[in-house]
């Protein structure tokens, strides 16, 4: 069962304002640094890109072959790590 938390609208508005302010500052830092924000790939996209099952993806994570991060109960991967996995599996025909 989830806990229900009730807050006053004024408090919610202040939190929303501060989150937006933080987002603006982060966006500004990225803009000045010349570094683009990372676009992460979720489990479904990773499975599709690698042509593997969700279980195989889990095995790759468990065996520390594929780096990942977990946020809010979801797993995400860097696109370059997925591409590296594809490259490692590449076998050219001579």
Protein backbone atom coordinates (compact mmCIF):
# COMPACT_ATOMS: atom_id res chain seq x y z
CA UNK A 1 0.00 0.00 0.00
CA UNK A 2 1.31 3.45 -0.91
CA UNK A 3 1.32 6.29 1.57
CA UNK A 4 -0.79 9.30 0.69
CA UNK A 5 0.80 12.68 1.39
CA UNK A 6 -1.29 15.82 1.29
CA UNK A 7 0.36 19.22 0.91
CA UNK A 8 -0.99 22.70 0.56
CA UNK A 9 -1.25 24.15 -2.95
CA UNK A 10 1.16 26.94 -2.00
CA UNK A 11 3.82 24.37 -1.04
CA UNK A 12 3.24 22.43 -4.28
CA UNK A 13 3.52 25.64 -6.31
CA UNK A 14 6.81 26.51 -4.56
CA UNK A 15 8.21 23.03 -5.23
CA UNK A 16 7.16 23.22 -8.88
CA UNK A 17 8.78 26.65 -9.21
CA UNK A 18 12.05 25.42 -7.68
CA UNK A 19 12.14 22.35 -9.93
CA UNK A 20 11.63 24.53 -13.00
CA UNK A 21 14.35 26.89 -11.79
CA UNK A 22 16.73 23.96 -11.30
CA UNK A 23 15.90 22.63 -14.79
CA UNK A 24 16.64 26.05 -16.28
CA UNK A 25 20.00 26.20 -14.51
CA UNK A 26 20.97 22.69 -15.65
CA UNK A 27 19.96 23.49 -19.23
CA UNK A 28 22.03 26.67 -19.05
CA UNK A 29 25.08 24.77 -17.78
CA UNK A 30 24.78 22.28 -20.64
CA UNK A 31 24.41 25.11 -23.16
CA UNK A 32 27.55 26.86 -21.89
CA UNK A 33 29.61 23.68 -21.63
CA UNK A 34 28.96 22.58 -25.20
CA UNK A 35 28.05 19.10 -23.96
CA UNK A 36 24.69 17.74 -25.04
CA UNK A 37 22.55 16.00 -22.40
CA UNK A 38 22.77 12.22 -22.53
CA UNK A 39 19.89 10.42 -24.20
CA UNK A 40 19.41 7.14 -22.39
CA UNK A 41 17.95 3.94 -23.83
CA UNK A 42 15.43 1.92 -21.81
CA UNK A 43 15.10 -1.89 -21.61
CA UNK A 44 12.68 -2.15 -24.52
CA UNK A 45 14.85 -0.06 -26.83
CA UNK A 46 18.01 -1.95 -25.77
CA UNK A 47 16.35 -5.34 -26.42
CA UNK A 48 15.20 -4.18 -29.83
CA UNK A 49 18.56 -2.65 -30.79
CA UNK A 50 20.56 -5.72 -29.66
CA UNK A 51 17.92 -8.22 -30.85
CA UNK A 52 17.92 -9.99 -27.49
CA UNK A 53 15.31 -10.96 -24.94
CA UNK A 54 14.76 -9.11 -21.67
CA UNK A 55 16.30 -12.11 -19.88
CA UNK A 56 19.46 -11.93 -22.01
CA UNK A 57 19.69 -8.22 -21.24
CA UNK A 58 19.44 -9.06 -17.53
CA UNK A 59 22.26 -11.60 -17.93
CA UNK A 60 24.44 -8.99 -19.64
CA UNK A 61 23.86 -6.64 -16.70
CA UNK A 62 24.39 -9.32 -14.05
CA UNK A 63 27.67 -10.43 -15.64
CA UNK A 64 28.80 -6.78 -15.85
CA UNK A 65 29.17 -6.92 -19.61
CA UNK A 66 26.69 -4.11 -20.23
CA UNK A 67 26.84 -0.99 -18.00
CA UNK A 68 23.53 0.46 -16.86
CA UNK A 69 21.87 2.79 -14.41
CA UNK A 70 18.65 2.39 -12.48
CA UNK A 71 16.29 5.27 -11.83
CA UNK A 72 12.82 5.07 -10.36
CA UNK A 73 12.67 1.30 -10.82
CA UNK A 74 13.58 1.53 -14.53
CA UNK A 75 16.88 0.51 -16.11
CA UNK A 76 18.65 2.72 -18.64
CA UNK A 77 21.70 2.33 -20.88
CA UNK A 78 24.00 4.76 -22.68
CA UNK A 79 23.55 4.54 -26.47
CA UNK A 80 27.32 4.24 -26.93
CA UNK A 81 27.39 1.17 -24.65
CA UNK A 82 24.71 -0.48 -26.78
CA UNK A 83 26.69 0.34 -29.94
CA UNK A 84 29.83 -1.09 -28.34
CA UNK A 85 27.99 -4.35 -27.66
CA UNK A 86 26.97 -4.50 -31.33
CA UNK A 87 30.54 -3.80 -32.44
CA UNK A 88 31.98 -6.49 -30.14
CA UNK A 89 29.63 -9.01 -31.73
CA UNK A 90 30.55 -7.98 -35.27
CA UNK A 91 32.39 -10.64 -37.29
CA UNK A 92 33.29 -9.51 -40.82
CA UNK A 93 33.20 -12.06 -43.62
CA UNK A 94 36.47 -12.39 -45.57
